[in-house]
C-alpha cells in the first residue's frame, strides 16, 4: 500500500495515506503549519490546513482531478503496473509533474531525485512521442495531466526541447492536431488565434504557436503554472487548482465538468469559492465575456483555475485552453455552464452577463463597466491581430467572432447606456489612441 509525501514550494506539507479500511487521510506537517498557519488553503480550497484530516471523499475527488482521463490513464497505469483507479499508486509513479506546484512522491523519497541530465530531443523524437500518444492515449512520459486531447509535455531548454525531469518539470504542452478532413481539424489553429486575442486584450499571458515536428502538426502552449529560467535550466512551479477541484467534484466522468442543467459546476458556485479566498471576481466576468465573444463552448470547470502563490495569495489564472467552436457545424451550441440560467450560445447576450454578475454580488454599474471594457479590448485586439499569421483559421471563424463581439457591444450600449453628461459639464479632452496592436487595460496588458 503506497503512502505519499506532498511537497509544495520546497516544503513537505502533508502525508497522504490509505487506511486498512480503504479510506484516504491527509495529515498536514508541522512545517506546513509553521509556514502558512492554521486554516490556510494552499493545496486546495477544499483542503484547508487543519489539524484533522479532511473527509476521505474530498481528498479522493481532489487527487483524481490531477489524473488524465480515458485511454491516457489506462495506458499510463498499465505502464506503471498499477490499477488505473488506484489514485495513490498512480501518483506515486506520475506525481512529480502534475498540474500546479504540488509534487507527490512515495513517503520518504526526495522530491528532486532521481534526476537525469537534460537531453535535447530531435524533431523525430518529439514526433514519435506524439504518435505514441495518438496511438495509445499517452506518450512515454512520467507526467500526469488531466484532459482528453492527445498531448505530450516538454521542457524548454536554452538549446531546444527536453523530456521533463524531477528538477526540470514540463514547461510546455504540445497537442496534436485533429485529423485532416474532420469537422474540428482547425481546433489548434483557432486555439492559437484565441490565445493571441486573449493576450492582446489582457485576459491571458499564455503564449502559443503552431509547429510541425517531422510531419506531426501540433500546437505548443506555455504552461502558466511554470516559470522557466533557460540560463540555469531551472523551472519554478506555481500552484494552481481548477474549478472542478475547488468545488469538490469527482470528474472521473468527463461530463461532470460541464453543468448542462445540473446544479454544479456553475459560475455562481465558482464565484463564491473565489470570494471565500479573497479573489476579485472582475477577471472571472472578463473571462466569461471572452468565452462568449469567441464562441468557446468548452469553457467547463476544468478550464477555469485559481493560482495559489507561495506567500498565501490567490488569483484567477489567465485564460487557457480556449478556442473558437461555433463555425465548426458540429451542432453543439451549448455553453459549458449556464450564464444567468441560459446556455444556448445563440441566445446568450450582454444582459445575461450582467445578470450573472449580479448573482455574484457585483454591482450593476461595475458589471457593465467590466463587460464594456472587456469587449472594447477584444474589439481592438481583433482589429489589430495579423490574421495572416493564422492561416488555418478560416473567414467563417473570424466572421463569427467579429459578429459576436459587435452584437454583445451593441446589446450592452442599447440596454446599459452610460448616463448622458449634463450640458454644463466641461467637455473631456479627446484621449490619445493606443498604438495598433496594443489595446490598453487587462491584468496581463503589456505581456504580449
Protein backbone atom coordinates (compact mmCIF):
# COMPACT_ATOMS: atom_id res chain seq x y z
CA UNK A 1 0.00 0.00 0.00
CA UNK A 2 1.52 3.34 -1.16
CA UNK A 3 1.71 6.41 1.09
CA UNK A 4 2.66 9.77 -0.42
CA UNK A 5 4.57 12.80 0.73
CA UNK A 6 3.19 16.05 -0.69
CA UNK A 7 5.71 18.83 -1.31
CA UNK A 8 4.77 22.43 -2.12
CA UNK A 9 7.14 25.33 -2.74
CA UNK A 10 10.01 23.41 -1.17
CA UNK A 11 8.08 22.42 1.96
CA UNK A 12 6.90 18.92 2.83
CA UNK A 13 3.30 19.92 3.52
CA UNK A 14 1.42 16.68 4.08
CA UNK A 15 1.40 12.90 4.15
CA UNK A 16 -1.41 11.15 2.31
CA UNK A 17 -2.28 7.59 3.31
CA UNK A 18 -4.94 4.99 2.62
CA UNK A 19 -6.11 3.20 5.74
CA UNK A 20 -6.76 -0.52 6.03
CA UNK A 21 -10.45 0.32 5.71
CA UNK A 22 -9.71 1.84 2.30
CA UNK A 23 -10.22 5.48 3.30
CA UNK A 24 -7.80 8.28 2.48
CA UNK A 25 -6.29 10.55 5.11
CA UNK A 26 -4.27 13.73 4.67
CA UNK A 27 -2.20 14.91 7.62
CA UNK A 28 -0.51 18.29 7.38
CA UNK A 29 3.05 18.57 8.70
CA UNK A 30 4.38 20.90 11.38
CA UNK A 31 6.44 22.61 8.67
CA UNK A 32 3.26 23.45 6.78
CA UNK A 33 1.62 24.87 9.93
CA UNK A 34 4.69 26.98 10.68
CA UNK A 35 4.96 28.35 7.14
CA UNK A 36 1.33 29.11 6.32
CA UNK A 37 -0.69 28.86 9.52
CA UNK A 38 -3.93 27.22 10.56
CA UNK A 39 -6.73 27.47 8.00
CA UNK A 40 -4.54 28.39 5.03
CA UNK A 41 -5.76 26.99 1.72
CA UNK A 42 -2.51 26.24 -0.02
CA UNK A 43 -3.09 22.84 -1.61
CA UNK A 44 -6.75 23.43 -2.28
CA UNK A 45 -9.78 25.46 -1.32
CA UNK A 46 -11.28 22.09 -0.37
CA UNK A 47 -8.31 21.06 1.81
CA UNK A 48 -7.69 23.80 4.40
CA UNK A 49 -4.64 23.46 6.61
CA UNK A 50 -6.14 21.95 9.78
CA UNK A 51 -5.02 19.55 12.49
CA UNK A 52 -7.54 16.88 11.46
CA UNK A 53 -7.73 15.11 8.12
CA UNK A 54 -10.36 16.27 5.60
CA UNK A 55 -13.01 13.67 4.67
CA UNK A 56 -11.73 10.82 2.51
CA UNK A 57 -14.19 11.54 -0.30
CA UNK A 58 -12.93 15.13 -0.54
CA UNK A 59 -9.28 14.05 -0.70
CA UNK A 60 -10.07 11.39 -3.30
CA UNK A 61 -12.01 13.77 -5.56
CA UNK A 62 -9.26 16.38 -5.44
CA UNK A 63 -6.46 13.92 -6.22
CA UNK A 64 -8.43 12.38 -9.06
CA UNK A 65 -8.60 15.84 -10.57
CA UNK A 66 -4.84 15.53 -11.20
CA UNK A 67 -5.21 12.35 -13.25
CA UNK A 68 -5.55 12.06 -17.02
CA UNK A 69 -8.77 10.73 -18.44
CA UNK A 70 -9.78 7.86 -20.70
CA UNK A 71 -7.14 5.97 -22.67
CA UNK A 72 -4.29 8.06 -21.30
CA UNK A 73 -4.91 6.97 -17.73
CA UNK A 74 -5.38 3.34 -18.72
CA UNK A 75 -2.13 3.33 -20.69
CA UNK A 76 -0.07 5.08 -18.02
CA UNK A 77 -1.46 2.79 -15.31
CA UNK A 78 -0.60 -0.28 -17.39
CA UNK A 79 2.95 1.01 -17.87
CA UNK A 80 3.33 1.56 -14.11
CA UNK A 81 1.70 -1.82 -13.27
CA UNK A 82 -0.99 -0.16 -11.12
CA UNK A 83 -4.77 -0.17 -11.18
CA UNK A 84 -6.00 2.96 -13.01
CA UNK A 85 -8.37 3.55 -10.07
CA UNK A 86 -5.55 3.35 -7.50
CA UNK A 87 -5.03 7.09 -7.19
CA UNK A 88 -2.12 6.85 -4.71
CA UNK A 89 -0.35 4.15 -6.69
CA UNK A 90 -0.79 6.14 -9.89
CA UNK A 91 0.52 9.38 -8.38
CA UNK A 92 3.44 7.57 -6.72
CA UNK A 93 4.65 6.97 -10.29
CA UNK A 94 3.46 10.15 -12.03
CA UNK A 95 3.03 12.72 -9.26
CA UNK A 96 6.34 14.56 -9.71
CA UNK A 97 4.97 16.57 -12.66
CA UNK A 98 1.28 17.40 -12.35
CA UNK A 99 -0.90 20.49 -12.72
CA UNK A 100 0.29 23.14 -10.28
CA UNK A 101 3.25 23.08 -7.91
CA UNK A 102 2.37 20.06 -5.79
CA UNK A 103 4.99 17.29 -6.02
CA UNK A 104 3.77 13.87 -4.89
CA UNK A 105 6.33 11.15 -4.15
CA UNK A 106 6.38 7.89 -2.18
CA UNK A 107 6.77 8.68 1.52
CA UNK A 108 10.40 9.36 2.39
CA UNK A 109 11.57 9.93 -1.20
CA UNK A 110 13.50 13.04 -2.22
CA UNK A 111 11.15 15.10 -4.47
CA UNK A 112 14.09 16.12 -6.67
CA UNK A 113 15.59 12.67 -7.10
CA UNK A 114 16.32 10.64 -9.07
CA UNK A 115 17.23 13.14 -11.74
CA UNK A 116 18.99 12.93 -15.06
CA UNK A 117 20.74 15.38 -17.39
CA UNK A 118 18.56 17.25 -19.85
CA UNK A 119 18.82 15.74 -23.31
CA UNK A 120 17.74 17.74 -26.34
CA UNK A 121 15.15 15.92 -28.41
CA UNK A 122 15.17 15.79 -32.18
CA UNK A 123 12.04 16.67 -34.13
CA UNK A 124 11.66 12.99 -34.95
CA UNK A 125 11.79 12.01 -31.28
CA UNK A 126 9.06 14.56 -30.48
CA UNK A 127 7.00 13.32 -33.43
CA UNK A 128 7.41 9.75 -32.19
CA UNK A 129 6.09 10.75 -28.76
CA UNK A 130 3.08 12.46 -30.36
CA UNK A 131 2.43 9.38 -32.48
CA UNK A 132 2.67 7.17 -29.40
CA UNK A 133 0.20 9.38 -27.53
CA UNK A 134 -2.15 9.30 -30.52
CA UNK A 135 -1.98 5.53 -30.80
CA UNK A 136 -2.01 4.52 -27.13
CA UNK A 137 -3.51 7.54 -25.38
CA UNK A 138 -0.25 8.50 -23.64
CA UNK A 139 3.38 9.10 -24.55
CA UNK A 140 6.38 7.58 -22.80
CA UNK A 141 6.45 10.23 -20.07
CA UNK A 142 6.29 10.45 -16.28
CA UNK A 143 3.76 13.27 -16.02
CA UNK A 144 0.09 13.36 -15.02
CA UNK A 145 -2.09 15.94 -16.71
CA UNK A 146 -5.88 15.98 -16.98
CA UNK A 147 -7.70 16.21 -20.29
CA UNK A 148 -8.79 14.12 -23.25
CA UNK A 149 -6.80 15.75 -26.05
CA UNK A 150 -3.82 13.87 -27.49
CA UNK A 151 -0.84 15.66 -26.00
CA UNK A 152 2.63 15.42 -24.57
CA UNK A 153 4.60 17.71 -22.26
CA UNK A 154 8.08 19.08 -22.87
CA UNK A 155 10.65 21.14 -21.01
CA UNK A 156 12.11 24.15 -22.80
CA UNK A 157 15.90 24.44 -22.62
CA UNK A 158 18.36 27.03 -23.88
CA UNK A 159 19.07 24.81 -26.88
CA UNK A 160 15.75 23.15 -27.64
CA UNK A 161 13.29 20.71 -26.10
CA UNK A 162 13.83 18.02 -23.49
CA UNK A 163 11.76 15.42 -21.73
CA UNK A 164 10.81 16.63 -18.22
CA UNK A 165 12.87 15.58 -15.22
CA UNK A 166 12.10 15.90 -11.49
CA UNK A 167 14.25 19.03 -11.22
CA UNK A 168 13.17 20.41 -14.60
CA UNK A 169 9.44 19.74 -14.89
CA UNK A 170 7.49 20.39 -18.06
CA UNK A 171 7.13 23.97 -19.26
CA UNK A 172 5.00 23.44 -22.37
CA UNK A 173 2.07 21.34 -23.51
CA UNK A 174 2.13 20.05 -27.09
CA UNK A 175 -1.24 18.99 -28.52
CA UNK A 176 -1.59 17.08 -31.75
CA UNK A 177 -3.84 18.45 -34.48
CA UNK A 178 -7.20 16.79 -35.08
CA UNK A 179 -7.35 14.57 -38.21
CA UNK A 180 -7.31 16.27 -41.60
CA UNK A 181 -10.84 16.50 -43.01
CA UNK A 182 -12.59 16.29 -39.65
CA UNK A 183 -15.04 19.00 -38.61
CA UNK A 184 -12.69 20.11 -35.86
CA UNK A 185 -9.46 19.88 -37.84
CA UNK A 186 -8.77 23.59 -37.22
CA UNK A 187 -9.11 23.34 -33.43
CA UNK A 188 -5.43 24.00 -32.69
CA UNK A 189 -5.44 26.86 -35.21
CA UNK A 190 -8.33 28.61 -33.51
CA UNK A 191 -6.79 27.93 -30.09
CA UNK A 192 -3.60 29.74 -31.11
CA UNK A 193 -5.64 32.66 -32.50
CA UNK A 194 -7.94 32.80 -29.47
CA UNK A 195 -4.97 32.87 -27.09
CA UNK A 196 -3.39 35.71 -29.03
CA UNK A 197 -6.68 37.63 -28.84
CA UNK A 198 -6.84 36.99 -25.08
CA UNK A 199 -3.22 38.12 -24.61
CA UNK A 200 -3.76 41.29 -26.62
CA UNK A 201 -6.88 42.01 -24.57
CA UNK A 202 -5.02 41.50 -21.28
CA UNK A 203 -7.01 38.41 -20.25
CA UNK A 204 -4.17 35.92 -20.63
CA UNK A 205 -0.41 35.62 -20.80
CA UNK A 206 -0.40 32.10 -22.24
CA UNK A 207 1.67 32.01 -25.42
CA UNK A 208 1.05 29.51 -28.21
CA UNK A 209 2.36 28.73 -31.66
CA UNK A 210 1.87 26.03 -34.27
CA UNK A 211 4.77 23.78 -35.13
CA UNK A 212 5.26 20.69 -37.25
CA UNK A 213 7.56 18.02 -35.82
CA UNK A 214 8.68 15.62 -38.56
CA UNK A 215 5.26 15.73 -40.19
CA UNK A 216 3.22 15.87 -36.97
CA UNK A 217 1.35 19.18 -36.79
CA UNK A 218 0.76 20.45 -33.26
CA UNK A 219 0.19 23.48 -31.07
CA UNK A 220 2.87 24.33 -28.49
CA UNK A 221 1.43 26.13 -25.45
CA UNK A 222 3.27 27.62 -22.49
CA UNK A 223 2.22 26.36 -19.06
CA UNK A 224 1.01 29.29 -16.96
CA UNK A 225 1.91 27.31 -13.82
CA UNK A 226 5.60 27.20 -14.76
CA UNK A 227 8.31 29.89 -14.97
CA UNK A 228 11.41 28.66 -16.78
CA UNK A 229 14.92 30.08 -16.49
CA UNK A 230 16.73 28.86 -19.59
CA UNK A 231 20.15 30.02 -18.42
CA UNK A 232 20.12 27.94 -15.25
CA UNK A 233 17.89 25.19 -16.69
CA UNK A 234 15.56 25.51 -13.70
CA UNK A 235 11.80 25.76 -13.56
CA UNK A 236 9.73 27.46 -10.87
CA UNK A 237 6.35 25.82 -10.27
CA UNK A 238 3.26 27.88 -9.47
CA UNK A 239 0.49 26.08 -7.65
CA UNK A 240 -3.00 26.00 -9.09
CA UNK A 241 -6.21 24.06 -8.96
CA UNK A 242 -9.09 24.03 -11.38
CA UNK A 243 -12.66 24.98 -10.56
CA UNK A 244 -13.86 21.38 -10.52
CA UNK A 245 -11.33 20.67 -7.76
CA UNK A 246 -12.34 23.86 -5.92
CA UNK A 247 -15.93 22.65 -5.95
CA UNK A 248 -15.01 19.13 -4.78
CA UNK A 249 -16.23 17.45 -7.97
CA UNK A 250 -15.02 14.00 -8.93
CA UNK A 251 -14.52 14.26 -12.69
CA UNK A 252 -13.79 10.62 -13.43
CA UNK A 253 -16.87 11.02 -15.60
CA UNK A 254 -15.63 13.66 -18.11
CA UNK A 255 -19.15 15.11 -18.44
CA UNK A 256 -19.07 16.06 -14.75
CA UNK A 257 -17.02 19.15 -15.57
CA UNK A 258 -19.96 20.58 -17.55
CA UNK A 259 -23.10 21.98 -15.96
CA UNK A 260 -25.64 21.03 -18.63
CA UNK A 261 -28.70 21.68 -16.44
CA UNK A 262 -27.22 20.45 -13.17
CA UNK A 263 -26.56 22.40 -10.00
CA UNK A 264 -22.78 22.02 -10.17
CA UNK A 265 -20.49 23.14 -11.57
CA UNK A 266 -21.78 26.67 -12.01
CA UNK A 267 -20.22 30.06 -12.48
CA UNK A 268 -22.02 31.30 -9.36
CA UNK A 269 -20.56 28.49 -7.25
CA UNK A 270 -17.09 29.18 -8.65
CA UNK A 271 -17.52 32.88 -7.86
CA UNK A 272 -18.46 32.02 -4.27
CA UNK A 273 -15.37 29.85 -3.81
CA UNK A 274 -13.15 32.57 -5.25
CA UNK A 275 -14.70 35.21 -2.98
CA UNK A 276 -14.14 32.97 0.04
CA UNK A 277 -10.37 33.15 -0.51
CA UNK A 278 -10.31 36.84 -1.38
CA UNK A 279 -10.06 36.60 -5.16
CA UNK A 280 -11.55 39.54 -7.07
CA UNK A 281 -14.35 38.50 -9.40
CA UNK A 282 -13.74 41.08 -12.13
CA UNK A 283 -11.36 38.71 -14.02
CA UNK A 284 -13.94 35.89 -13.90
CA UNK A 285 -16.51 38.16 -15.55
CA UNK A 286 -13.94 39.26 -18.14
CA UNK A 287 -13.08 35.60 -18.84
CA UNK A 288 -16.76 34.69 -19.25
CA UNK A 289 -17.23 37.63 -21.61
CA UNK A 290 -14.23 36.43 -23.64
CA UNK A 291 -15.60 32.90 -23.87
CA UNK A 292 -18.97 34.10 -25.14
CA UNK A 293 -17.37 36.51 -27.59
CA UNK A 294 -15.15 33.90 -29.26
CA UNK A 295 -17.73 31.11 -29.12
CA UNK A 296 -15.74 28.88 -26.76
CA UNK A 297 -18.36 26.30 -25.82
CA UNK A 298 -15.73 24.23 -23.97
CA UNK A 299 -15.29 26.65 -21.03
CA UNK A 300 -16.02 23.96 -18.43
CA UNK A 301 -14.95 23.78 -14.79
CA UNK A 302 -11.52 22.29 -15.55
CA UNK A 303 -10.76 25.18 -17.89
CA UNK A 304 -11.05 27.79 -15.13
CA UNK A 305 -8.39 27.77 -12.43
CA UNK A 306 -7.03 29.68 -9.46
CA UNK A 307 -3.37 30.25 -8.61
CA UNK A 308 -2.18 29.76 -5.02
CA UNK A 309 1.03 31.76 -4.55
CA UNK A 310 3.87 30.77 -2.22
CA UNK A 311 3.02 33.58 0.22
CA UNK A 312 -0.63 32.54 0.50
CA UNK A 313 -2.14 34.97 -2.01
CA UNK A 314 -4.65 33.76 -4.57
CA UNK A 315 -5.71 34.99 -8.01
CA UNK A 316 -7.64 33.76 -11.01
CA UNK A 317 -5.42 32.01 -13.55
CA UNK A 318 -5.11 33.52 -17.03
CA UNK A 319 -7.35 32.31 -19.82
CA UNK A 320 -6.13 28.98 -21.20
CA UNK A 321 -7.38 26.11 -23.36
CA UNK A 322 -9.72 28.41 -25.28
CA UNK A 323 -10.79 28.09 -28.91
CA UNK A 324 -13.42 29.10 -31.47
CA UNK A 325 -16.12 26.48 -31.95
CA UNK A 326 -19.30 27.92 -33.43
CA UNK A 327 -18.15 27.78 -37.06
CA UNK A 328 -17.45 24.04 -36.96
CA UNK A 329 -21.02 22.88 -37.68
CA UNK A 330 -20.92 20.20 -35.01
CA UNK A 331 -24.38 21.19 -33.78
CA UNK A 332 -23.01 21.93 -30.30
CA UNK A 333 -24.11 25.41 -29.25
CA UNK A 334 -24.41 24.75 -25.52
CA UNK A 335 -22.14 26.83 -23.33
CA UNK A 336 -20.36 24.63 -20.78
CA UNK A 337 -22.02 26.38 -17.82
CA UNK A 338 -25.18 28.45 -17.54
CA UNK A 339 -24.99 32.23 -17.67
CA UNK A 340 -27.99 33.64 -15.79
CA UNK A 341 -29.85 30.38 -16.42
CA UNK A 342 -29.17 30.29 -20.18
CA UNK A 343 -26.73 28.03 -22.05
CA UNK A 344 -27.65 28.42 -25.73
CA UNK A 345 -24.81 30.35 -27.37
CA UNK A 346 -27.25 31.69 -29.99
CA UNK A 347 -29.29 33.35 -27.24
CA UNK A 348 -26.70 34.38 -24.68
CA UNK A 349 -26.05 38.10 -24.71
CA UNK A 350 -24.82 41.07 -22.73
CA UNK A 351 -27.88 41.10 -20.45
CA UNK A 352 -27.10 37.53 -19.36
CA UNK A 353 -23.55 38.52 -18.46
CA UNK A 354 -24.78 41.43 -16.34
CA UNK A 355 -27.46 39.32 -14.67
CA UNK A 356 -24.94 36.58 -13.88
CA UNK A 357 -22.55 39.10 -12.36
CA UNK A 358 -25.33 40.47 -10.16
CA UNK A 359 -25.77 36.97 -8.72
CA UNK A 360 -22.10 37.14 -7.68
CA UNK A 361 -22.86 40.40 -5.84
CA UNK A 362 -21.06 42.58 -8.34
CA UNK A 363 -22.92 45.87 -8.67
CA UNK A 364 -24.73 46.55 -11.93
CA UNK A 365 -22.58 49.59 -12.63
CA UNK A 366 -19.40 47.61 -12.01
CA UNK A 367 -20.58 44.67 -14.13
CA UNK A 368 -21.46 46.91 -17.07
CA UNK A 369 -18.07 48.59 -16.80
CA UNK A 370 -16.18 45.26 -16.78
CA UNK A 371 -18.10 43.81 -19.73
CA UNK A 372 -17.85 47.05 -21.72
CA UNK A 373 -14.11 47.33 -21.07
CA UNK A 374 -13.52 43.68 -21.99
CA UNK A 375 -15.48 43.97 -25.24
CA UNK A 376 -13.66 47.17 -26.21
CA UNK A 377 -10.30 45.50 -25.64
CA UNK A 378 -11.38 42.41 -27.59
CA UNK A 379 -12.61 44.58 -30.47
CA UNK A 380 -9.28 46.42 -30.55
CA UNK A 381 -7.38 43.13 -30.34
CA UNK A 382 -9.43 41.59 -33.16
CA UNK A 383 -8.75 44.61 -35.37
CA UNK A 384 -5.03 44.62 -34.58
CA UNK A 385 -4.26 40.94 -34.91
CA UNK A 386 -2.43 39.88 -38.06
CA UNK A 387 -4.78 37.22 -39.39
CA UNK A 388 -2.25 36.11 -41.96
CA UNK A 389 -0.28 34.68 -39.03
CA UNK A 390 -3.20 32.27 -38.50
CA UNK A 391 -3.79 30.82 -41.99
CA UNK A 392 -5.56 27.80 -40.57
CA UNK A 393 -8.37 29.96 -39.18
CA UNK A 394 -10.97 30.43 -41.91
CA UNK A 395 -13.01 33.50 -42.70
CA UNK A 396 -16.11 31.89 -41.19
CA UNK A 397 -14.45 31.56 -37.77
CA UNK A 398 -13.24 35.18 -37.77
CA UNK A 399 -16.62 36.43 -39.01
CA UNK A 400 -18.46 34.76 -36.14
CA UNK A 401 -16.06 36.19 -33.57
CA UNK A 402 -16.35 39.68 -35.05
CA UNK A 403 -20.14 39.46 -35.17
CA UNK A 404 -20.35 38.14 -31.60
CA UNK A 405 -18.20 40.98 -30.27
CA UNK A 406 -20.24 43.53 -32.24
CA UNK A 407 -23.56 42.07 -31.10
CA UNK A 408 -22.56 41.96 -27.44
CA UNK A 409 -21.29 45.53 -27.69
CA UNK A 410 -24.48 46.69 -29.37
CA UNK A 411 -26.69 44.98 -26.79
CA UNK A 412 -24.66 46.47 -23.96
CA UNK A 413 -24.87 50.01 -25.30
CA UNK A 414 -28.60 49.77 -26.04
CA UNK A 415 -29.59 48.22 -22.72
CA UNK A 416 -26.99 49.74 -20.40
CA UNK A 417 -26.12 53.09 -21.98
CA UNK A 418 -23.99 55.33 -19.75
CA UNK A 419 -25.75 58.40 -18.35
CA UNK A 420 -25.64 61.50 -20.56
CA UNK A 421 -23.41 64.21 -19.14
CA UNK A 422 -25.10 67.49 -18.18
CA UNK A 423 -24.78 70.22 -20.81
CA UNK A 424 -22.82 72.49 -18.50
CA UNK A 425 -20.25 69.81 -17.80
CA UNK A 426 -16.83 70.56 -19.16
CA UNK A 427 -16.11 68.56 -22.29
CA UNK A 428 -13.44 65.92 -21.80
CA UNK A 429 -10.29 66.19 -23.85
CA UNK A 430 -10.04 63.53 -26.54
CA UNK A 431 -7.94 60.55 -25.48
CA UNK A 432 -4.90 59.59 -27.49
CA UNK A 433 -5.29 56.27 -29.28
CA UNK A 434 -3.04 53.41 -28.32
CA UNK A 435 -0.63 52.15 -30.99
CA UNK A 436 -2.10 49.46 -33.21
CA UNK A 437 -1.86 46.03 -31.66
CA UNK A 438 -1.70 47.18 -28.05
CA UNK A 439 -5.19 47.69 -26.58
CA UNK A 440 -4.86 49.13 -23.09
CA UNK A 441 -6.03 47.52 -19.87
CA UNK A 442 -6.40 43.99 -18.55
CA UNK A 443 -4.46 42.06 -15.95
CA UNK A 444 -1.83 40.93 -18.44
CA UNK A 445 -1.52 44.03 -20.62
CA UNK A 446 1.99 44.63 -21.82
CA UNK A 447 2.96 40.93 -21.61
CA UNK A 448 2.47 40.15 -25.29
